[in-house]
Amino acid sequence: MQSRVRALREAQGWSQGELAERLAVSRQTVNAIETGKYDPSLPLAFRLARLFGEPIEAIFLPGEAAQS
């Protein structure tokens, strides 16, 4: 699954570590989400959506959708 997490994080000026702290996960988890190696749990996806003020569907894109 593709995601816009990296673009959203960079737009805030946050490092992966800073985002990880805000989400109470490891930096490795943030990296894995950004690189598409890990699909977050539903509760984590909701935390990301609330943090960025975006609907889940605007952050996580199915299949080969372009990453922005």
N, C-alpha and C. Protein backbone atom coordinates (compact mmCIF):
# COMPACT_ATOMS: atom_id res chain seq x y z
N MET A 1 0.85 -1.17 0.00
CA MET A 1 0.00 0.00 0.00
C MET A 1 0.90 1.24 0.00
N GLN A 2 0.58 2.16 -0.86
CA GLN A 2 1.30 3.43 -0.91
C GLN A 2 0.75 4.36 0.16
N SER A 3 1.59 5.28 0.61
CA SER A 3 1.10 6.27 1.57
C SER A 3 1.73 7.63 1.31
N ARG A 4 1.08 8.64 1.83
CA ARG A 4 1.59 10.02 1.74
C ARG A 4 2.24 10.45 3.05
N VAL A 5 2.54 9.49 3.92
CA VAL A 5 3.08 9.82 5.24
C VAL A 5 4.37 10.63 5.12
N ARG A 6 5.29 10.22 4.26
CA ARG A 6 6.56 10.95 4.14
C ARG A 6 6.31 12.40 3.73
N ALA A 7 5.49 12.61 2.71
CA ALA A 7 5.22 13.97 2.25
C ALA A 7 4.54 14.80 3.33
N LEU A 8 3.61 14.21 4.05
CA LEU A 8 2.92 14.93 5.11
C LEU A 8 3.87 15.25 6.26
N ARG A 9 4.73 14.30 6.61
CA ARG A 9 5.71 14.51 7.68
C ARG A 9 6.68 15.62 7.29
N GLU A 10 7.20 15.56 6.07
CA GLU A 10 8.16 16.57 5.62
C GLU A 10 7.52 17.95 5.55
N ALA A 11 6.25 18.01 5.19
CA ALA A 11 5.55 19.30 5.13
C ALA A 11 5.47 19.95 6.51
N GLN A 12 5.47 19.12 7.55
CA GLN A 12 5.44 19.63 8.93
C GLN A 12 6.85 19.96 9.43
N GLY A 13 7.87 19.52 8.68
CA GLY A 13 9.24 19.74 9.11
C GLY A 13 9.70 18.79 10.19
N TRP A 14 9.04 17.62 10.30
CA TRP A 14 9.36 16.65 11.33
C TRP A 14 10.30 15.57 10.80
N SER A 15 11.19 15.10 11.65
CA SER A 15 12.00 13.94 11.32
C SER A 15 11.16 12.69 11.54
N GLN A 16 11.66 11.54 11.09
CA GLN A 16 10.96 10.30 11.36
C GLN A 16 10.87 10.06 12.87
N GLY A 17 11.92 10.41 13.58
CA GLY A 17 11.92 10.24 15.04
C GLY A 17 10.88 11.10 15.72
N GLU A 18 10.73 12.34 15.25
CA GLU A 18 9.72 13.23 15.84
C GLU A 18 8.31 12.70 15.59
N LEU A 19 8.06 12.23 14.38
CA LEU A 19 6.74 11.65 14.09
C LEU A 19 6.51 10.42 14.94
N ALA A 20 7.53 9.58 15.07
CA ALA A 20 7.41 8.37 15.88
C ALA A 20 7.04 8.72 17.32
N GLU A 21 7.67 9.75 17.88
CA GLU A 21 7.34 10.17 19.25
C GLU A 21 5.89 10.61 19.35
N ARG A 22 5.42 11.37 18.39
CA ARG A 22 4.04 11.86 18.41
C ARG A 22 3.03 10.71 18.32
N LEU A 23 3.44 9.62 17.66
CA LEU A 23 2.55 8.47 17.47
C LEU A 23 2.76 7.37 18.50
N ALA A 24 3.81 7.51 19.32
CA ALA A 24 4.17 6.48 20.31
C ALA A 24 4.52 5.16 19.64
N VAL A 25 5.31 5.24 18.56
CA VAL A 25 5.83 4.06 17.87
C VAL A 25 7.33 4.28 17.66
N SER A 26 8.01 3.28 17.13
CA SER A 26 9.45 3.42 16.88
C SER A 26 9.69 4.16 15.56
N ARG A 27 10.89 4.72 15.42
CA ARG A 27 11.27 5.36 14.17
C ARG A 27 11.27 4.33 13.04
N GLN A 28 11.64 3.09 13.36
CA GLN A 28 11.65 2.03 12.36
C GLN A 28 10.24 1.76 11.82
N THR A 29 9.24 1.88 12.69
CA THR A 29 7.85 1.71 12.23
C THR A 29 7.47 2.80 11.26
N VAL A 30 7.84 4.04 11.56
CA VAL A 30 7.56 5.16 10.65
C VAL A 30 8.26 4.92 9.32
N ASN A 31 9.51 4.51 9.36
CA ASN A 31 10.26 4.24 8.13
C ASN A 31 9.58 3.14 7.32
N ALA A 32 9.15 2.07 7.98
CA ALA A 32 8.51 0.96 7.28
C ALA A 32 7.19 1.38 6.64
N ILE A 33 6.43 2.24 7.31
CA ILE A 33 5.19 2.75 6.73
C ILE A 33 5.51 3.60 5.50
N GLU A 34 6.50 4.48 5.63
CA GLU A 34 6.84 5.37 4.52
C GLU A 34 7.36 4.62 3.30
N THR A 35 8.06 3.52 3.51
CA THR A 35 8.62 2.77 2.39
C THR A 35 7.69 1.67 1.89
N GLY A 36 6.50 1.55 2.50
CA GLY A 36 5.52 0.56 2.05
C GLY A 36 5.81 -0.85 2.49
N LYS A 37 6.71 -1.02 3.47
CA LYS A 37 7.05 -2.35 3.97
C LYS A 37 6.13 -2.80 5.09
N TYR A 38 5.31 -1.87 5.59
CA TYR A 38 4.43 -2.18 6.72
C TYR A 38 3.14 -1.38 6.57
N ASP A 39 2.02 -2.08 6.66
CA ASP A 39 0.72 -1.42 6.68
C ASP A 39 0.32 -1.24 8.14
N PRO A 40 0.04 -0.01 8.56
CA PRO A 40 -0.26 0.22 9.98
C PRO A 40 -1.59 -0.41 10.38
N SER A 41 -1.69 -0.68 11.68
CA SER A 41 -2.96 -1.15 12.23
C SER A 41 -4.00 -0.05 12.06
N LEU A 42 -5.24 -0.40 12.17
CA LEU A 42 -6.31 0.59 12.06
C LEU A 42 -6.19 1.68 13.13
N PRO A 43 -5.92 1.33 14.40
CA PRO A 43 -5.76 2.40 15.40
C PRO A 43 -4.61 3.36 15.06
N LEU A 44 -3.50 2.83 14.55
CA LEU A 44 -2.37 3.69 14.17
C LEU A 44 -2.73 4.55 12.96
N ALA A 45 -3.45 3.98 12.01
CA ALA A 45 -3.89 4.76 10.85
C ALA A 45 -4.79 5.92 11.29
N PHE A 46 -5.66 5.67 12.26
CA PHE A 46 -6.51 6.74 12.78
C PHE A 46 -5.69 7.81 13.49
N ARG A 47 -4.65 7.40 14.24
CA ARG A 47 -3.79 8.39 14.90
C ARG A 47 -3.07 9.25 13.87
N LEU A 48 -2.60 8.63 12.81
CA LEU A 48 -1.95 9.40 11.73
C LEU A 48 -2.93 10.39 11.12
N ALA A 49 -4.14 9.93 10.84
CA ALA A 49 -5.14 10.79 10.23
C ALA A 49 -5.46 11.99 11.12
N ARG A 50 -5.64 11.74 12.41
CA ARG A 50 -5.92 12.85 13.34
C ARG A 50 -4.74 13.81 13.42
N LEU A 51 -3.55 13.28 13.49
CA LEU A 51 -2.35 14.10 13.61
C LEU A 51 -2.18 15.03 12.40
N PHE A 52 -2.43 14.51 11.21
CA PHE A 52 -2.26 15.30 9.99
C PHE A 52 -3.54 16.03 9.57
N GLY A 53 -4.66 15.75 10.24
CA GLY A 53 -5.91 16.42 9.88
C GLY A 53 -6.41 16.03 8.51
N GLU A 54 -6.19 14.77 8.16
CA GLU A 54 -6.60 14.25 6.84
C GLU A 54 -7.41 12.97 7.05
N PRO A 55 -8.33 12.66 6.13
CA PRO A 55 -9.00 11.36 6.22
C PRO A 55 -8.01 10.24 5.89
N ILE A 56 -8.23 9.08 6.47
CA ILE A 56 -7.34 7.94 6.21
C ILE A 56 -7.19 7.70 4.71
N GLU A 57 -8.28 7.83 3.98
CA GLU A 57 -8.26 7.56 2.53
C GLU A 57 -7.35 8.53 1.78
N ALA A 58 -7.09 9.70 2.36
CA ALA A 58 -6.21 10.67 1.71
C ALA A 58 -4.74 10.41 2.05
N ILE A 59 -4.48 9.57 3.04
CA ILE A 59 -3.11 9.26 3.45
C ILE A 59 -2.65 7.94 2.85
N PHE A 60 -3.51 6.95 2.87
CA PHE A 60 -3.15 5.62 2.39
C PHE A 60 -3.85 5.34 1.08
N LEU A 61 -3.06 5.02 0.06
CA LEU A 61 -3.57 4.85 -1.29
C LEU A 61 -3.41 3.40 -1.71
N PRO A 62 -4.47 2.76 -2.18
CA PRO A 62 -4.37 1.35 -2.57
C PRO A 62 -3.54 1.16 -3.83
N GLY A 63 -2.93 0.00 -3.93
CA GLY A 63 -2.25 -0.40 -5.15
C GLY A 63 -1.13 0.50 -5.60
N GLU A 64 -1.14 0.81 -6.88
CA GLU A 64 -0.06 1.55 -7.51
C GLU A 64 -0.32 3.05 -7.60
N ALA A 65 -1.21 3.57 -6.78
CA ALA A 65 -1.51 5.01 -6.83
C ALA A 65 -0.24 5.82 -6.60
N ALA A 66 -0.16 6.94 -7.26
CA ALA A 66 1.03 7.78 -7.16
C ALA A 66 1.19 8.36 -5.77
N GLN A 67 2.45 8.40 -5.31
CA GLN A 67 2.74 9.00 -4.01
C GLN A 67 3.01 10.49 -4.21
N SER A 68 2.45 11.32 -3.32
CA SER A 68 2.68 12.76 -3.45
C SER A 68 3.47 13.29 -2.29
